[in-house]
Amino acid sequence: MSSTLTKAPIRPRPKHLDLTKIRLPLPGWVSIMHRVSGAALFVSLPGLLWLLDKSLSTEIGYDWLRGFFTLWWVKLAMFGLLWGYLHHFCAGIRYLFLDMHIGVDLPAARMSAAAVYFISIPLALLAGWRLFV
């Protein structure tokens, strides 16, 4: 008795994955940025706690810190951490809804992924405008 099943054609697998040619959908970018922002916040936490301790320990430490936060690259880093926090927060709320099976169909998932950026970026600009004034 011969089998009438046919095998699927074997496609050659790529040997070198070219990451520049992969087009990730917006929910994929939100997922990656959620992980990156969480890692950045985790890694920066000891430094931020040290800065808080320095500002609260002595008056000289507080004055040094005020001067330190006038540097442009420190302001830019603080703005980046602020946006990272707000992005992580908004994406976390999105994932809570997805865990409750709210918005899991493709159009809703794409809309909620776009909402993460449309909410976190203006919030970061609104909250961080004093850094550059």
N, C-alpha and C. Protein backbone atom coordinates (compact mmCIF):
# COMPACT_ATOMS: atom_id res chain seq x y z
N MET A 1 0.85 -1.17 0.00
CA MET A 1 0.00 0.00 0.00
C MET A 1 0.90 1.24 0.00
N SER A 2 0.74 2.09 -0.98
CA SER A 2 1.57 3.28 -1.07
C SER A 2 0.86 4.46 -0.40
N SER A 3 1.66 5.33 0.13
CA SER A 3 1.13 6.50 0.84
C SER A 3 0.87 7.63 -0.16
N THR A 4 -0.28 8.26 -0.03
CA THR A 4 -0.62 9.36 -0.93
C THR A 4 -0.25 10.72 -0.33
N LEU A 5 0.32 10.69 0.86
CA LEU A 5 0.73 11.95 1.48
C LEU A 5 1.98 12.49 0.79
N THR A 6 1.99 13.76 0.55
CA THR A 6 3.16 14.38 -0.04
C THR A 6 3.84 15.24 1.02
N LYS A 7 5.11 15.30 0.92
CA LYS A 7 5.88 16.10 1.88
C LYS A 7 5.90 17.55 1.41
N ALA A 8 5.93 18.43 2.37
CA ALA A 8 6.03 19.86 2.06
C ALA A 8 7.41 20.14 1.49
N PRO A 9 7.49 21.05 0.54
CA PRO A 9 8.81 21.37 -0.02
C PRO A 9 9.72 21.98 1.06
N ILE A 10 10.94 21.58 1.04
CA ILE A 10 11.91 22.08 2.02
C ILE A 10 12.52 23.37 1.49
N ARG A 11 12.33 24.43 2.27
CA ARG A 11 12.92 25.71 1.89
C ARG A 11 14.26 25.86 2.60
N PRO A 12 15.24 26.38 1.92
CA PRO A 12 16.54 26.56 2.59
C PRO A 12 16.42 27.64 3.67
N ARG A 13 16.97 27.34 4.82
CA ARG A 13 16.92 28.30 5.93
C ARG A 13 18.06 29.30 5.77
N PRO A 14 17.87 30.53 6.17
CA PRO A 14 18.94 31.51 6.02
C PRO A 14 20.12 31.17 6.93
N LYS A 15 21.31 31.37 6.39
CA LYS A 15 22.50 31.11 7.18
C LYS A 15 22.87 32.31 8.04
N HIS A 16 22.62 33.49 7.51
CA HIS A 16 22.92 34.71 8.24
C HIS A 16 21.66 35.55 8.29
N LEU A 17 21.18 35.81 9.47
CA LEU A 17 19.96 36.57 9.64
C LEU A 17 20.29 38.06 9.55
N ASP A 18 19.77 38.74 8.55
CA ASP A 18 20.02 40.16 8.36
C ASP A 18 18.94 40.94 9.11
N LEU A 19 19.31 41.47 10.27
CA LEU A 19 18.34 42.17 11.11
C LEU A 19 17.86 43.48 10.51
N THR A 20 18.62 44.03 9.56
CA THR A 20 18.20 45.30 8.96
C THR A 20 17.06 45.10 7.96
N LYS A 21 16.85 43.86 7.50
CA LYS A 21 15.80 43.60 6.52
C LYS A 21 14.52 43.05 7.14
N ILE A 22 14.54 42.81 8.44
CA ILE A 22 13.35 42.30 9.12
C ILE A 22 12.44 43.47 9.45
N ARG A 23 11.18 43.38 9.06
CA ARG A 23 10.22 44.44 9.35
C ARG A 23 9.32 43.97 10.48
N LEU A 24 9.60 44.48 11.66
CA LEU A 24 8.81 44.11 12.83
C LEU A 24 7.53 44.94 12.86
N PRO A 25 6.42 44.35 13.24
CA PRO A 25 5.20 45.15 13.40
C PRO A 25 5.30 46.01 14.65
N LEU A 26 4.43 46.99 14.74
CA LEU A 26 4.47 47.93 15.86
C LEU A 26 4.35 47.23 17.22
N PRO A 27 3.48 46.23 17.41
CA PRO A 27 3.47 45.55 18.71
C PRO A 27 4.81 44.89 19.05
N GLY A 28 5.55 44.45 18.04
CA GLY A 28 6.87 43.89 18.28
C GLY A 28 7.85 44.93 18.80
N TRP A 29 7.78 46.13 18.21
CA TRP A 29 8.64 47.22 18.69
C TRP A 29 8.27 47.63 20.11
N VAL A 30 6.99 47.65 20.41
CA VAL A 30 6.57 47.99 21.78
C VAL A 30 7.12 46.96 22.76
N SER A 31 7.07 45.69 22.37
CA SER A 31 7.58 44.63 23.23
C SER A 31 9.08 44.78 23.46
N ILE A 32 9.82 45.03 22.40
CA ILE A 32 11.28 45.19 22.53
C ILE A 32 11.61 46.41 23.38
N MET A 33 10.93 47.53 23.13
CA MET A 33 11.21 48.74 23.90
C MET A 33 10.77 48.60 25.35
N HIS A 34 9.76 47.79 25.62
CA HIS A 34 9.34 47.53 26.99
C HIS A 34 10.46 46.82 27.75
N ARG A 35 11.08 45.87 27.09
CA ARG A 35 12.19 45.15 27.72
C ARG A 35 13.41 46.05 27.88
N VAL A 36 13.72 46.83 26.84
CA VAL A 36 14.89 47.72 26.90
C VAL A 36 14.70 48.78 27.98
N SER A 37 13.50 49.37 28.04
CA SER A 37 13.27 50.41 29.05
C SER A 37 13.30 49.81 30.45
N GLY A 38 12.78 48.62 30.63
CA GLY A 38 12.85 47.98 31.94
C GLY A 38 14.27 47.69 32.36
N ALA A 39 15.09 47.22 31.42
CA ALA A 39 16.49 46.95 31.72
C ALA A 39 17.24 48.25 32.03
N ALA A 40 16.96 49.31 31.28
CA ALA A 40 17.63 50.60 31.52
C ALA A 40 17.24 51.16 32.89
N LEU A 41 15.98 51.04 33.24
CA LEU A 41 15.56 51.52 34.55
C LEU A 41 16.20 50.70 35.67
N PHE A 42 16.29 49.40 35.48
CA PHE A 42 16.91 48.54 36.49
C PHE A 42 18.39 48.85 36.65
N VAL A 43 19.09 49.02 35.54
CA VAL A 43 20.53 49.28 35.60
C VAL A 43 20.81 50.67 36.18
N SER A 44 19.95 51.65 35.90
CA SER A 44 20.19 53.01 36.39
C SER A 44 19.75 53.22 37.83
N LEU A 45 19.03 52.29 38.40
CA LEU A 45 18.51 52.47 39.76
C LEU A 45 19.60 52.70 40.81
N PRO A 46 20.71 51.95 40.84
CA PRO A 46 21.73 52.24 41.85
C PRO A 46 22.30 53.65 41.74
N GLY A 47 22.54 54.12 40.51
CA GLY A 47 23.04 55.48 40.33
C GLY A 47 22.04 56.53 40.77
N LEU A 48 20.78 56.32 40.46
CA LEU A 48 19.76 57.28 40.88
C LEU A 48 19.62 57.30 42.40
N LEU A 49 19.71 56.13 43.03
CA LEU A 49 19.66 56.10 44.49
C LEU A 49 20.88 56.77 45.11
N TRP A 50 22.05 56.62 44.47
CA TRP A 50 23.24 57.29 44.96
C TRP A 50 23.09 58.81 44.84
N LEU A 51 22.53 59.27 43.72
CA LEU A 51 22.30 60.71 43.55
C LEU A 51 21.31 61.24 44.59
N LEU A 52 20.27 60.47 44.87
CA LEU A 52 19.32 60.87 45.90
C LEU A 52 19.99 60.95 47.27
N ASP A 53 20.82 59.96 47.60
CA ASP A 53 21.54 59.97 48.87
C ASP A 53 22.47 61.16 48.96
N LYS A 54 23.16 61.46 47.86
CA LYS A 54 24.09 62.60 47.85
C LYS A 54 23.35 63.92 48.05
N SER A 55 22.17 64.02 47.47
CA SER A 55 21.41 65.26 47.60
C SER A 55 20.84 65.44 49.00
N LEU A 56 20.59 64.36 49.70
CA LEU A 56 19.99 64.45 51.03
C LEU A 56 21.00 64.43 52.16
N SER A 57 22.26 64.07 51.87
CA SER A 57 23.24 63.91 52.95
C SER A 57 23.76 65.25 53.46
N THR A 58 24.22 66.12 52.58
CA THR A 58 24.76 67.41 53.02
C THR A 58 24.31 68.51 52.07
N GLU A 59 24.51 69.72 52.54
CA GLU A 59 24.17 70.87 51.70
C GLU A 59 25.15 71.00 50.54
N ILE A 60 26.39 70.63 50.77
CA ILE A 60 27.40 70.68 49.71
C ILE A 60 27.06 69.66 48.62
N GLY A 61 26.61 68.47 49.03
CA GLY A 61 26.20 67.45 48.07
C GLY A 61 25.02 67.92 47.24
N TYR A 62 24.08 68.61 47.88
CA TYR A 62 22.92 69.13 47.15
C TYR A 62 23.35 70.19 46.15
N ASP A 63 24.24 71.08 46.55
CA ASP A 63 24.72 72.11 45.62
C ASP A 63 25.50 71.50 44.45
N TRP A 64 26.30 70.46 44.74
CA TRP A 64 27.03 69.78 43.67
C TRP A 64 26.05 69.15 42.67
N LEU A 65 25.01 68.56 43.21
CA LEU A 65 24.02 67.90 42.36
C LEU A 65 23.27 68.90 41.49
N ARG A 66 22.97 70.07 42.04
CA ARG A 66 22.31 71.11 41.23
C ARG A 66 23.19 71.52 40.06
N GLY A 67 24.48 71.63 40.30
CA GLY A 67 25.41 71.94 39.21
C GLY A 67 25.53 70.80 38.22
N PHE A 68 25.50 69.57 38.73
CA PHE A 68 25.61 68.39 37.87
C PHE A 68 24.42 68.29 36.93
N PHE A 69 23.24 68.64 37.40
CA PHE A 69 22.05 68.55 36.57
C PHE A 69 21.90 69.72 35.59
N THR A 70 22.84 70.64 35.56
CA THR A 70 22.82 71.69 34.53
C THR A 70 23.55 71.24 33.27
N LEU A 71 24.29 70.14 33.33
CA LEU A 71 25.01 69.64 32.15
C LEU A 71 24.01 69.09 31.14
N TRP A 72 24.24 69.38 29.86
CA TRP A 72 23.28 69.00 28.82
C TRP A 72 23.13 67.49 28.69
N TRP A 73 24.23 66.75 28.82
CA TRP A 73 24.15 65.30 28.65
C TRP A 73 23.45 64.63 29.83
N VAL A 74 23.52 65.25 31.02
CA VAL A 74 22.80 64.72 32.18
C VAL A 74 21.30 64.97 31.98
N LYS A 75 20.96 66.15 31.48
CA LYS A 75 19.55 66.44 31.19
C LYS A 75 19.00 65.47 30.15
N LEU A 76 19.79 65.20 29.11
CA LEU A 76 19.36 64.28 28.07
C LEU A 76 19.19 62.86 28.63
N ALA A 77 20.11 62.43 29.49
CA ALA A 77 20.00 61.10 30.10
C ALA A 77 18.77 61.03 31.00
N MET A 78 18.51 62.07 31.77
CA MET A 78 17.33 62.08 32.64
C MET A 78 16.04 62.09 31.82
N PHE A 79 16.05 62.81 30.70
CA PHE A 79 14.88 62.78 29.83
C PHE A 79 14.67 61.40 29.24
N GLY A 80 15.77 60.75 28.84
CA GLY A 80 15.67 59.39 28.32
C GLY A 80 15.12 58.42 29.36
N LEU A 81 15.57 58.55 30.60
CA LEU A 81 15.04 57.70 31.67
C LEU A 81 13.58 58.01 31.97
N LEU A 82 13.22 59.29 31.89
CA LEU A 82 11.83 59.67 32.10
C LEU A 82 10.95 59.05 31.02
N TRP A 83 11.36 59.16 29.75
CA TRP A 83 10.58 58.54 28.69
C TRP A 83 10.56 57.02 28.84
N GLY A 84 11.70 56.44 29.23
CA GLY A 84 11.74 55.00 29.44
C GLY A 84 10.77 54.55 30.52
N TYR A 85 10.69 55.33 31.59
CA TYR A 85 9.75 55.00 32.66
C TYR A 85 8.31 55.10 32.17
N LEU A 86 7.99 56.18 31.48
CA LEU A 86 6.61 56.37 31.01
C LEU A 86 6.24 55.34 29.94
N HIS A 87 7.17 55.00 29.06
CA HIS A 87 6.91 53.97 28.07
C HIS A 87 6.69 52.62 28.75
N HIS A 88 7.54 52.30 29.73
CA HIS A 88 7.42 51.04 30.44
C HIS A 88 6.09 50.96 31.19
N PHE A 89 5.68 52.07 31.76
CA PHE A 89 4.41 52.14 32.49
C PHE A 89 3.23 51.93 31.54
N CYS A 90 3.21 52.66 30.44
CA CYS A 90 2.10 52.54 29.48
C CYS A 90 2.06 51.15 28.84
N ALA A 91 3.22 50.62 28.47
CA ALA A 91 3.25 49.28 27.88
C ALA A 91 2.85 48.24 28.92
N GLY A 92 3.20 48.46 30.17
CA GLY A 92 2.80 47.53 31.23
C GLY A 92 1.29 47.49 31.39
N ILE A 93 0.65 48.65 31.30
CA ILE A 93 -0.82 48.68 31.36
C ILE A 93 -1.41 47.94 30.16
N ARG A 94 -0.80 48.12 28.99
CA ARG A 94 -1.25 47.41 27.79
C ARG A 94 -1.15 45.91 28.01
N TYR A 95 -0.05 45.45 28.57
CA TYR A 95 0.13 44.02 28.79
C TYR A 95 -0.82 43.49 29.86
N LEU A 96 -1.17 44.31 30.82
CA LEU A 96 -2.18 43.87 31.80
C LEU A 96 -3.51 43.60 31.11
N PHE A 97 -3.91 44.49 30.19
CA PHE A 97 -5.14 44.27 29.44
C PHE A 97 -5.04 43.03 28.54
N LEU A 98 -3.87 42.85 27.92
CA LEU A 98 -3.70 41.66 27.09
C LEU A 98 -3.77 40.38 27.93
N ASP A 99 -3.24 40.43 29.15
CA ASP A 99 -3.32 39.27 30.03
C ASP A 99 -4.75 38.96 30.43
N MET A 100 -5.61 39.97 30.43
CA MET A 100 -7.02 39.75 30.74
C MET A 100 -7.82 39.45 29.47
N HIS A 101 -7.11 39.22 28.36
CA HIS A 101 -7.71 38.90 27.05
C HIS A 101 -8.57 40.04 26.52
N ILE A 102 -8.15 41.26 26.82
CA ILE A 102 -8.81 42.44 26.28
C ILE A 102 -7.88 43.04 25.22
N GLY A 103 -8.37 43.13 24.00
CA GLY A 103 -7.58 43.71 22.92
C GLY A 103 -6.56 42.78 22.31
N VAL A 104 -6.84 41.48 22.30
CA VAL A 104 -5.88 40.54 21.75
C VAL A 104 -6.03 40.32 20.25
N ASP A 105 -7.16 40.73 19.67
CA ASP A 105 -7.28 40.58 18.22
C ASP A 105 -6.37 41.60 17.53
N LEU A 106 -5.99 41.32 16.32
CA LEU A 106 -4.93 42.06 15.63
C LEU A 106 -5.19 43.57 15.52
N PRO A 107 -6.37 44.03 15.09
CA PRO A 107 -6.55 45.49 15.00
C PRO A 107 -6.45 46.19 16.36
N ALA A 108 -7.02 45.58 17.39
CA ALA A 108 -6.96 46.18 18.72
C ALA A 108 -5.53 46.15 19.27
N ALA A 109 -4.79 45.09 18.99
CA ALA A 109 -3.41 45.01 19.45
C ALA A 109 -2.54 46.08 18.77
N ARG A 110 -2.78 46.28 17.49
CA ARG A 110 -2.03 47.33 16.79
C ARG A 110 -2.40 48.71 17.30
N MET A 111 -3.69 48.92 17.58
CA MET A 111 -4.12 50.22 18.08
C MET A 111 -3.56 50.48 19.48
N SER A 112 -3.55 49.47 20.34
CA SER A 112 -3.03 49.68 21.68
C SER A 112 -1.51 49.88 21.66
N ALA A 113 -0.82 49.24 20.71
CA ALA A 113 0.62 49.46 20.58
C ALA A 113 0.90 50.89 20.14
N ALA A 114 0.11 51.39 19.21
CA ALA A 114 0.28 52.79 18.79
C ALA A 114 -0.07 53.74 19.93
N ALA A 115 -1.07 53.36 20.73
CA ALA A 115 -1.46 54.21 21.86
C ALA A 115 -0.34 54.34 22.89
N VAL A 116 0.47 53.29 23.04
CA VAL A 116 1.60 53.36 23.97
C VAL A 116 2.52 54.50 23.57
N TYR A 117 2.83 54.60 22.30
CA TYR A 117 3.71 55.69 21.84
C TYR A 117 2.99 57.03 21.85
N PHE A 118 1.72 57.06 21.45
CA PHE A 118 0.99 58.32 21.41
C PHE A 118 0.70 58.88 22.79
N ILE A 119 0.81 58.05 23.81
CA ILE A 119 0.62 58.53 25.18
C ILE A 119 1.95 58.80 25.86
N SER A 120 2.92 57.89 25.71
CA SER A 120 4.17 58.03 26.46
C SER A 120 5.04 59.18 25.96
N ILE A 121 5.07 59.42 24.68
CA ILE A 121 5.92 60.50 24.16
C ILE A 121 5.40 61.87 24.57
N PRO A 122 4.10 62.20 24.38
CA PRO A 122 3.64 63.51 24.87
C PRO A 122 3.74 63.65 26.39
N LEU A 123 3.51 62.57 27.13
CA LEU A 123 3.67 62.64 28.59
C LEU A 123 5.11 62.96 28.97
N ALA A 124 6.06 62.34 28.27
CA ALA A 124 7.47 62.61 28.55
C ALA A 124 7.82 64.05 28.20
N LEU A 125 7.30 64.55 27.08
CA LEU A 125 7.55 65.94 26.72
C LEU A 125 6.93 66.90 27.71
N LEU A 126 5.73 66.56 28.16
CA LEU A 126 5.04 67.42 29.13
C LEU A 126 5.75 67.40 30.49
N ALA A 127 6.17 66.22 30.92
CA ALA A 127 6.82 66.11 32.23
C ALA A 127 8.27 66.58 32.20
N GLY A 128 8.93 66.48 31.04
CA GLY A 128 10.34 66.82 30.97
C GLY A 128 10.67 68.18 30.44
N TRP A 129 9.68 69.00 30.17
CA TRP A 129 9.98 70.31 29.58
C TRP A 129 10.81 71.17 30.52
N ARG A 130 10.67 70.98 31.84
CA ARG A 130 11.43 71.79 32.79
C ARG A 130 12.91 71.43 32.80
N LEU A 131 13.26 70.28 32.29
CA LEU A 131 14.67 69.91 32.25
C LEU A 131 15.46 70.85 31.34
N PHE A 132 14.83 71.32 30.29
CA PHE A 132 15.54 72.10 29.29
C PHE A 132 15.22 73.58 29.33
N VAL A 133 14.44 74.01 30.28
CA VAL A 133 14.11 75.43 30.41
C VAL A 133 15.13 76.11 31.30
